[in-house]
Amino acid sequence: MRYKLSESDIERFWDKVAAESADGCWSWHGSYVRSGRPVFWLAPARNNVLAYRVAYSLVRGEIPDDKNLDHQCNNLACVNPFHLEPLIQRDNVLRSDIAVCSLNARKMQCKRGHPLVPYVKSGKYAGKPWRKCHICAMEAQTRRRKRQKRRSQLNLK
């Protein structure tokens, strides 16, 4: 997305940025939304825009349309464009330390300690990366068959 900024917008933007931290993050001294992300009022757009996206476009150039900006420093309030990397949504989420899908993607074994192996699904889930524990699946199938056998024996008598 391309932002059309006037000279006064650019000056107003940089007045809200402080680059004093030891970790290299540039802190934002402006407004924030509830999620903790910094926002900047852009008069031509007549809307708030994410401040780190404005910083990236001012310093490093246009953000590709199909990409999101990932904070490599994991500090949402940081507007340092050199701490941001354009990524597709999937990669951005999988890099997260708190997203449930990224935590599950890093797991190498099931909750019982068995290895997870790739699993091919059909139907609407076809082509998506699934993994399952074959040992737990076989144990569940054995339990299910025993239960079905008991029910059929009870129904015959």
N, C-alpha and C. Protein backbone atom coordinates (compact mmCIF):
# COMPACT_ATOMS: atom_id res chain seq x y z
N MET A 1 0.85 -1.18 0.00
CA MET A 1 0.00 0.00 0.00
C MET A 1 0.89 1.24 0.00
N ARG A 2 0.52 2.19 -0.76
CA ARG A 2 1.29 3.42 -0.86
C ARG A 2 0.59 4.52 -0.06
N TYR A 3 1.33 5.15 0.84
CA TYR A 3 0.79 6.25 1.64
C TYR A 3 1.20 7.57 1.02
N LYS A 4 0.24 8.48 0.90
CA LYS A 4 0.53 9.81 0.37
C LYS A 4 0.68 10.74 1.56
N LEU A 5 1.92 11.08 1.86
CA LEU A 5 2.22 11.91 3.02
C LEU A 5 2.70 13.29 2.60
N SER A 6 2.18 14.30 3.24
CA SER A 6 2.67 15.65 2.99
C SER A 6 3.89 15.88 3.88
N GLU A 7 4.57 16.97 3.64
CA GLU A 7 5.75 17.30 4.46
C GLU A 7 5.36 17.45 5.93
N SER A 8 4.20 18.04 6.17
CA SER A 8 3.76 18.21 7.56
C SER A 8 3.42 16.86 8.20
N ASP A 9 2.86 15.92 7.42
CA ASP A 9 2.59 14.57 7.93
C ASP A 9 3.89 13.87 8.31
N ILE A 10 4.89 13.98 7.44
CA ILE A 10 6.17 13.33 7.70
C ILE A 10 6.83 13.91 8.95
N GLU A 11 6.79 15.22 9.07
CA GLU A 11 7.38 15.88 10.25
C GLU A 11 6.62 15.48 11.52
N ARG A 12 5.30 15.46 11.43
CA ARG A 12 4.47 15.07 12.56
C ARG A 12 4.72 13.61 12.96
N PHE A 13 4.94 12.75 11.95
CA PHE A 13 5.23 11.35 12.21
C PHE A 13 6.54 11.20 12.99
N TRP A 14 7.62 11.81 12.47
CA TRP A 14 8.93 11.63 13.12
C TRP A 14 9.00 12.29 14.49
N ASP A 15 8.13 13.27 14.77
CA ASP A 15 8.07 13.87 16.11
C ASP A 15 7.58 12.86 17.15
N LYS A 16 6.89 11.84 16.71
CA LYS A 16 6.33 10.84 17.64
C LYS A 16 7.23 9.61 17.80
N VAL A 17 8.39 9.61 17.15
CA VAL A 17 9.31 8.47 17.19
C VAL A 17 10.51 8.83 18.05
N ALA A 18 10.88 7.90 18.96
CA ALA A 18 12.07 8.08 19.79
C ALA A 18 12.96 6.85 19.61
N ALA A 19 14.19 7.09 19.19
CA ALA A 19 15.12 5.97 18.92
C ALA A 19 16.18 5.90 20.01
N GLU A 20 15.74 5.76 21.26
CA GLU A 20 16.71 5.81 22.35
C GLU A 20 16.98 4.48 23.04
N SER A 21 16.29 3.41 22.68
CA SER A 21 16.43 2.18 23.46
C SER A 21 17.70 1.42 23.10
N ALA A 22 18.19 0.63 24.06
CA ALA A 22 19.43 -0.12 23.90
C ALA A 22 19.28 -1.30 22.93
N ASP A 23 18.04 -1.81 22.80
CA ASP A 23 17.83 -2.96 21.91
C ASP A 23 17.62 -2.56 20.46
N GLY A 24 17.70 -1.27 20.17
CA GLY A 24 17.57 -0.80 18.80
C GLY A 24 16.16 -0.49 18.37
N CYS A 25 15.18 -0.74 19.24
CA CYS A 25 13.79 -0.45 18.91
C CYS A 25 13.55 1.06 18.94
N TRP A 26 12.72 1.51 18.04
CA TRP A 26 12.29 2.90 18.02
C TRP A 26 10.90 2.94 18.64
N SER A 27 10.79 3.56 19.80
CA SER A 27 9.49 3.57 20.48
C SER A 27 8.58 4.65 19.90
N TRP A 28 7.30 4.37 19.95
CA TRP A 28 6.28 5.24 19.40
C TRP A 28 5.64 6.03 20.53
N HIS A 29 5.60 7.36 20.40
CA HIS A 29 4.99 8.23 21.40
C HIS A 29 3.75 8.89 20.83
N GLY A 30 2.87 8.05 20.31
CA GLY A 30 1.61 8.52 19.74
C GLY A 30 0.49 7.63 20.21
N SER A 31 -0.54 7.53 19.43
CA SER A 31 -1.72 6.74 19.80
C SER A 31 -1.50 5.26 19.54
N TYR A 32 -2.27 4.46 20.29
CA TYR A 32 -2.25 3.01 20.15
C TYR A 32 -3.68 2.51 20.05
N VAL A 33 -3.88 1.39 19.39
CA VAL A 33 -5.18 0.73 19.40
C VAL A 33 -5.19 -0.28 20.54
N ARG A 34 -6.33 -0.89 20.82
CA ARG A 34 -6.47 -1.80 21.96
C ARG A 34 -5.49 -2.96 21.93
N SER A 35 -5.14 -3.41 20.74
CA SER A 35 -4.22 -4.56 20.62
C SER A 35 -2.78 -4.20 20.96
N GLY A 36 -2.50 -2.92 21.18
CA GLY A 36 -1.16 -2.49 21.52
C GLY A 36 -0.32 -2.06 20.33
N ARG A 37 -0.95 -1.98 19.17
CA ARG A 37 -0.22 -1.56 17.97
C ARG A 37 -0.28 -0.04 17.84
N PRO A 38 0.85 0.58 17.44
CA PRO A 38 0.87 2.04 17.29
C PRO A 38 0.16 2.48 16.01
N VAL A 39 -0.59 3.58 16.11
CA VAL A 39 -1.31 4.10 14.95
C VAL A 39 -0.98 5.58 14.75
N PHE A 40 -1.09 6.00 13.51
CA PHE A 40 -0.81 7.37 13.11
C PHE A 40 -1.98 7.86 12.28
N TRP A 41 -2.50 9.07 12.63
CA TRP A 41 -3.61 9.64 11.88
C TRP A 41 -3.08 10.20 10.57
N LEU A 42 -3.59 9.67 9.48
CA LEU A 42 -3.17 10.11 8.16
C LEU A 42 -4.32 10.89 7.55
N ALA A 43 -4.13 12.20 7.44
CA ALA A 43 -5.20 13.08 6.98
C ALA A 43 -5.71 12.74 5.58
N PRO A 44 -4.83 12.51 4.58
CA PRO A 44 -5.37 12.19 3.25
C PRO A 44 -6.23 10.92 3.24
N ALA A 45 -5.86 9.94 4.04
CA ALA A 45 -6.64 8.70 4.10
C ALA A 45 -7.84 8.87 5.01
N ARG A 46 -7.83 9.91 5.82
CA ARG A 46 -8.87 10.18 6.81
C ARG A 46 -9.09 8.98 7.71
N ASN A 47 -7.96 8.40 8.14
CA ASN A 47 -8.03 7.19 8.95
C ASN A 47 -6.72 6.99 9.70
N ASN A 48 -6.76 6.18 10.74
CA ASN A 48 -5.54 5.75 11.41
C ASN A 48 -4.88 4.65 10.59
N VAL A 49 -3.57 4.71 10.48
CA VAL A 49 -2.81 3.65 9.82
C VAL A 49 -1.76 3.17 10.81
N LEU A 50 -1.31 1.93 10.65
CA LEU A 50 -0.31 1.40 11.56
C LEU A 50 1.00 2.16 11.38
N ALA A 51 1.54 2.67 12.49
CA ALA A 51 2.70 3.54 12.43
C ALA A 51 3.93 2.82 11.88
N TYR A 52 4.09 1.54 12.20
CA TYR A 52 5.28 0.85 11.70
C TYR A 52 5.21 0.63 10.19
N ARG A 53 4.01 0.56 9.62
CA ARG A 53 3.88 0.46 8.16
C ARG A 53 4.27 1.77 7.50
N VAL A 54 3.90 2.90 8.13
CA VAL A 54 4.30 4.21 7.61
C VAL A 54 5.81 4.36 7.67
N ALA A 55 6.42 3.97 8.81
CA ALA A 55 7.87 4.07 8.96
C ALA A 55 8.57 3.22 7.91
N TYR A 56 8.07 2.01 7.68
CA TYR A 56 8.69 1.13 6.69
C TYR A 56 8.61 1.75 5.29
N SER A 57 7.45 2.28 4.95
CA SER A 57 7.29 2.85 3.61
C SER A 57 8.12 4.13 3.43
N LEU A 58 8.33 4.90 4.51
CA LEU A 58 9.16 6.10 4.40
C LEU A 58 10.64 5.77 4.24
N VAL A 59 11.11 4.75 4.95
CA VAL A 59 12.54 4.47 4.98
C VAL A 59 12.95 3.41 3.96
N ARG A 60 12.19 2.34 3.85
CA ARG A 60 12.62 1.20 3.03
C ARG A 60 11.86 1.04 1.73
N GLY A 61 10.77 1.76 1.57
CA GLY A 61 10.02 1.68 0.32
C GLY A 61 8.66 1.03 0.51
N GLU A 62 8.00 0.80 -0.61
CA GLU A 62 6.64 0.29 -0.60
C GLU A 62 6.58 -1.15 -0.07
N ILE A 63 5.51 -1.44 0.66
CA ILE A 63 5.27 -2.78 1.19
C ILE A 63 4.53 -3.57 0.12
N PRO A 64 5.01 -4.78 -0.24
CA PRO A 64 4.29 -5.58 -1.24
C PRO A 64 2.86 -5.86 -0.79
N ASP A 65 1.93 -5.87 -1.74
CA ASP A 65 0.51 -6.03 -1.43
C ASP A 65 0.19 -7.35 -0.74
N ASP A 66 0.90 -8.41 -1.08
CA ASP A 66 0.57 -9.73 -0.52
C ASP A 66 1.35 -10.05 0.75
N LYS A 67 2.01 -9.05 1.33
CA LYS A 67 2.86 -9.30 2.50
C LYS A 67 2.38 -8.53 3.73
N ASN A 68 2.67 -9.10 4.89
CA ASN A 68 2.47 -8.44 6.17
C ASN A 68 3.85 -8.13 6.74
N LEU A 69 3.93 -7.15 7.62
CA LEU A 69 5.21 -6.83 8.24
C LEU A 69 5.35 -7.60 9.55
N ASP A 70 6.44 -8.34 9.68
CA ASP A 70 6.71 -9.12 10.87
C ASP A 70 7.73 -8.40 11.73
N HIS A 71 7.43 -8.21 13.01
CA HIS A 71 8.37 -7.60 13.95
C HIS A 71 9.39 -8.66 14.36
N GLN A 72 10.61 -8.53 13.92
CA GLN A 72 11.65 -9.48 14.30
C GLN A 72 12.04 -9.32 15.77
N CYS A 73 11.79 -8.13 16.32
CA CYS A 73 12.12 -7.87 17.72
C CYS A 73 10.98 -8.28 18.66
N ASN A 74 9.83 -8.70 18.12
CA ASN A 74 8.65 -9.09 18.89
C ASN A 74 8.13 -7.97 19.79
N ASN A 75 8.39 -6.73 19.43
CA ASN A 75 7.92 -5.56 20.16
C ASN A 75 6.93 -4.84 19.25
N LEU A 76 5.63 -4.98 19.52
CA LEU A 76 4.62 -4.39 18.65
C LEU A 76 4.68 -2.87 18.62
N ALA A 77 5.22 -2.24 19.65
CA ALA A 77 5.30 -0.79 19.70
C ALA A 77 6.51 -0.24 18.94
N CYS A 78 7.36 -1.13 18.44
CA CYS A 78 8.56 -0.71 17.72
C CYS A 78 8.21 -0.26 16.31
N VAL A 79 8.74 0.89 15.90
CA VAL A 79 8.52 1.38 14.54
C VAL A 79 9.83 1.44 13.74
N ASN A 80 10.86 0.77 14.22
CA ASN A 80 12.13 0.72 13.50
C ASN A 80 11.94 -0.13 12.23
N PRO A 81 12.07 0.48 11.05
CA PRO A 81 11.82 -0.28 9.82
C PRO A 81 12.83 -1.39 9.57
N PHE A 82 13.97 -1.35 10.25
CA PHE A 82 14.97 -2.40 10.08
C PHE A 82 14.71 -3.59 11.00
N HIS A 83 13.69 -3.48 11.85
CA HIS A 83 13.22 -4.60 12.67
C HIS A 83 12.03 -5.28 12.03
N LEU A 84 11.62 -4.82 10.86
CA LEU A 84 10.43 -5.33 10.18
C LEU A 84 10.83 -6.08 8.91
N GLU A 85 10.13 -7.18 8.66
CA GLU A 85 10.38 -7.96 7.46
C GLU A 85 9.05 -8.31 6.80
N PRO A 86 8.92 -8.04 5.50
CA PRO A 86 7.68 -8.41 4.81
C PRO A 86 7.60 -9.93 4.63
N LEU A 87 6.50 -10.52 5.09
CA LEU A 87 6.28 -11.97 4.99
C LEU A 87 4.84 -12.23 4.58
N ILE A 88 4.59 -13.41 4.03
CA ILE A 88 3.21 -13.80 3.80
C ILE A 88 2.59 -14.13 5.17
N GLN A 89 1.27 -14.10 5.25
CA GLN A 89 0.56 -14.28 6.52
C GLN A 89 0.94 -15.58 7.22
N ARG A 90 1.02 -16.67 6.48
CA ARG A 90 1.33 -17.98 7.08
C ARG A 90 2.69 -17.96 7.77
N ASP A 91 3.71 -17.45 7.10
CA ASP A 91 5.04 -17.41 7.70
C ASP A 91 5.08 -16.47 8.90
N ASN A 92 4.34 -15.37 8.81
CA ASN A 92 4.29 -14.42 9.91
C ASN A 92 3.70 -15.08 11.16
N VAL A 93 2.61 -15.81 10.99
CA VAL A 93 1.97 -16.48 12.13
C VAL A 93 2.85 -17.60 12.67
N LEU A 94 3.47 -18.37 11.79
CA LEU A 94 4.30 -19.49 12.24
C LEU A 94 5.56 -19.03 12.99
N ARG A 95 5.99 -17.80 12.78
CA ARG A 95 7.14 -17.26 13.53
C ARG A 95 6.76 -16.83 14.95
N SER A 96 5.48 -16.69 15.20
CA SER A 96 5.00 -16.19 16.48
C SER A 96 5.38 -17.14 17.63
N ASP A 97 5.61 -16.55 18.79
CA ASP A 97 5.90 -17.33 19.98
C ASP A 97 4.64 -17.67 20.76
N ILE A 98 3.52 -17.03 20.42
CA ILE A 98 2.30 -17.21 21.21
C ILE A 98 1.13 -17.79 20.42
N ALA A 99 1.18 -17.78 19.10
CA ALA A 99 0.07 -18.30 18.30
C ALA A 99 -0.01 -19.82 18.46
N VAL A 100 -1.21 -20.33 18.72
CA VAL A 100 -1.41 -21.75 18.96
C VAL A 100 -0.96 -22.58 17.77
N CYS A 101 -1.27 -22.13 16.55
CA CYS A 101 -0.87 -22.92 15.37
C CYS A 101 0.65 -22.99 15.24
N SER A 102 1.38 -21.94 15.64
CA SER A 102 2.84 -22.01 15.56
C SER A 102 3.41 -22.94 16.63
N LEU A 103 2.79 -22.95 17.79
CA LEU A 103 3.23 -23.87 18.85
C LEU A 103 3.00 -25.31 18.43
N ASN A 104 1.84 -25.59 17.82
CA ASN A 104 1.55 -26.94 17.35
C ASN A 104 2.45 -27.35 16.20
N ALA A 105 2.80 -26.41 15.34
CA ALA A 105 3.67 -26.72 14.19
C ALA A 105 5.07 -27.13 14.65
N ARG A 106 5.50 -26.63 15.81
CA ARG A 106 6.83 -26.96 16.32
C ARG A 106 6.88 -28.28 17.07
N LYS A 107 5.72 -28.83 17.41
CA LYS A 107 5.70 -30.08 18.16
C LYS A 107 6.22 -31.22 17.30
N MET A 108 7.00 -32.09 17.90
CA MET A 108 7.55 -33.25 17.20
C MET A 108 6.95 -34.55 17.70
N GLN A 109 6.18 -34.47 18.81
CA GLN A 109 5.58 -35.67 19.37
C GLN A 109 4.22 -35.35 19.96
N CYS A 110 3.39 -36.38 20.09
CA CYS A 110 2.05 -36.19 20.64
C CYS A 110 2.15 -36.03 22.16
N LYS A 111 1.01 -35.83 22.81
CA LYS A 111 1.02 -35.61 24.26
C LYS A 111 1.44 -36.86 25.04
N ARG A 112 1.45 -38.02 24.40
CA ARG A 112 1.91 -39.25 25.06
C ARG A 112 3.36 -39.58 24.73
N GLY A 113 4.01 -38.71 23.93
CA GLY A 113 5.43 -38.90 23.63
C GLY A 113 5.74 -39.66 22.36
N HIS A 114 4.72 -40.03 21.60
CA HIS A 114 4.94 -40.73 20.34
C HIS A 114 5.27 -39.72 19.23
N PRO A 115 6.02 -40.14 18.21
CA PRO A 115 6.36 -39.21 17.12
C PRO A 115 5.15 -38.86 16.25
N LEU A 116 5.09 -37.61 15.81
CA LEU A 116 4.07 -37.16 14.87
C LEU A 116 4.61 -37.37 13.46
N VAL A 117 3.78 -37.88 12.58
CA VAL A 117 4.20 -38.14 11.20
C VAL A 117 3.25 -37.43 10.24
N PRO A 118 3.72 -37.10 9.03
CA PRO A 118 2.84 -36.45 8.05
C PRO A 118 1.65 -37.33 7.73
N TYR A 119 0.52 -36.68 7.48
CA TYR A 119 -0.74 -37.39 7.26
C TYR A 119 -1.46 -36.69 6.12
N VAL A 120 -1.94 -37.45 5.16
CA VAL A 120 -2.64 -36.90 4.00
C VAL A 120 -4.14 -37.02 4.22
N LYS A 121 -4.81 -35.88 4.14
CA LYS A 121 -6.27 -35.87 4.29
C LYS A 121 -6.91 -35.68 2.94
N SER A 122 -8.16 -36.04 2.84
CA SER A 122 -8.90 -35.83 1.60
C SER A 122 -10.04 -34.86 1.87
N GLY A 123 -10.74 -34.49 0.85
CA GLY A 123 -11.87 -33.58 1.00
C GLY A 123 -11.42 -32.14 1.09
N LYS A 124 -12.11 -31.36 1.92
CA LYS A 124 -11.80 -29.93 1.97
C LYS A 124 -10.45 -29.64 2.62
N TYR A 125 -9.87 -30.60 3.33
CA TYR A 125 -8.58 -30.39 3.97
C TYR A 125 -7.41 -30.90 3.12
N ALA A 126 -7.69 -31.37 1.93
CA ALA A 126 -6.64 -31.93 1.06
C ALA A 126 -5.60 -30.87 0.74
N GLY A 127 -4.34 -31.28 0.75
CA GLY A 127 -3.25 -30.38 0.40
C GLY A 127 -2.72 -29.55 1.55
N LYS A 128 -3.35 -29.64 2.72
CA LYS A 128 -2.88 -28.88 3.87
C LYS A 128 -1.97 -29.77 4.71
N PRO A 129 -0.96 -29.18 5.34
CA PRO A 129 -0.01 -30.01 6.08
C PRO A 129 -0.58 -30.51 7.41
N TRP A 130 -0.91 -31.76 7.48
CA TRP A 130 -1.43 -32.39 8.69
C TRP A 130 -0.41 -33.37 9.22
N ARG A 131 -0.41 -33.58 10.51
CA ARG A 131 0.43 -34.60 11.13
C ARG A 131 -0.42 -35.32 12.16
N LYS A 132 -0.13 -36.59 12.38
CA LYS A 132 -0.84 -37.32 13.42
C LYS A 132 0.08 -38.36 14.02
N CYS A 133 -0.34 -38.89 15.14
CA CYS A 133 0.39 -39.95 15.82
C CYS A 133 -0.25 -41.28 15.41
N HIS A 134 0.48 -42.08 14.67
CA HIS A 134 -0.07 -43.35 14.20
C HIS A 134 -0.31 -44.32 15.37
N ILE A 135 0.54 -44.28 16.38
CA ILE A 135 0.40 -45.20 17.52
C ILE A 135 -0.91 -44.90 18.25
N CYS A 136 -1.15 -43.62 18.56
CA CYS A 136 -2.39 -43.26 19.24
C CYS A 136 -3.61 -43.54 18.36
N ALA A 137 -3.49 -43.32 17.05
CA ALA A 137 -4.59 -43.58 16.14
C ALA A 137 -4.93 -45.07 16.12
N MET A 138 -3.91 -45.93 16.11
CA MET A 138 -4.15 -47.38 16.10
C MET A 138 -4.76 -47.84 17.43
N GLU A 139 -4.29 -47.27 18.55
CA GLU A 139 -4.87 -47.61 19.85
C GLU A 139 -6.34 -47.19 19.91
N ALA A 140 -6.66 -46.02 19.38
CA ALA A 140 -8.04 -45.54 19.37
C ALA A 140 -8.91 -46.44 18.49
N GLN A 141 -8.36 -46.87 17.36
CA GLN A 141 -9.11 -47.76 16.47
C GLN A 141 -9.38 -49.10 17.15
N THR A 142 -8.39 -49.62 17.87
CA THR A 142 -8.56 -50.89 18.59
C THR A 142 -9.66 -50.75 19.64
N ARG A 143 -9.63 -49.67 20.42
CA ARG A 143 -10.67 -49.43 21.43
C ARG A 143 -12.05 -49.32 20.79
N ARG A 144 -12.13 -48.61 19.66
CA ARG A 144 -13.40 -48.42 18.96
C ARG A 144 -13.95 -49.77 18.46
N ARG A 145 -13.09 -50.61 17.92
CA ARG A 145 -13.54 -51.91 17.41
C ARG A 145 -14.00 -52.83 18.54
N LYS A 146 -13.30 -52.80 19.69
CA LYS A 146 -13.72 -53.60 20.85
C LYS A 146 -15.09 -53.14 21.35
N ARG A 147 -15.29 -51.83 21.39
CA ARG A 147 -16.56 -51.27 21.84
C ARG A 147 -17.69 -51.68 20.88
N GLN A 148 -17.43 -51.61 19.58
CA GLN A 148 -18.43 -52.01 18.60
C GLN A 148 -18.74 -53.50 18.70
N LYS A 149 -17.72 -54.30 18.95
CA LYS A 149 -17.92 -55.74 19.08
C LYS A 149 -18.78 -56.05 20.30
N ARG A 150 -18.50 -55.39 21.44
CA ARG A 150 -19.30 -55.60 22.64
C ARG A 150 -20.76 -55.21 22.41
N ARG A 151 -20.98 -54.07 21.73
CA ARG A 151 -22.35 -53.62 21.47
C ARG A 151 -23.08 -54.61 20.57
N SER A 152 -22.39 -55.11 19.55
CA SER A 152 -23.07 -56.07 18.65
C SER A 152 -23.37 -57.38 19.39
N GLN A 153 -22.52 -57.82 20.32
CA GLN A 153 -22.77 -59.04 21.10
C GLN A 153 -23.95 -58.85 22.04
N LEU A 154 -24.06 -57.65 22.64
CA LEU A 154 -25.18 -57.37 23.53
C LEU A 154 -26.50 -57.33 22.77
N ASN A 155 -26.46 -56.83 21.55
CA ASN A 155 -27.68 -56.72 20.73
C ASN A 155 -28.14 -58.08 20.21
N LEU A 156 -27.22 -59.06 20.05
CA LEU A 156 -27.57 -60.37 19.53
C LEU A 156 -28.29 -61.21 20.58
N LYS A 157 -28.02 -60.99 21.85
CA LYS A 157 -28.61 -61.82 22.90
C LYS A 157 -30.00 -61.44 23.24
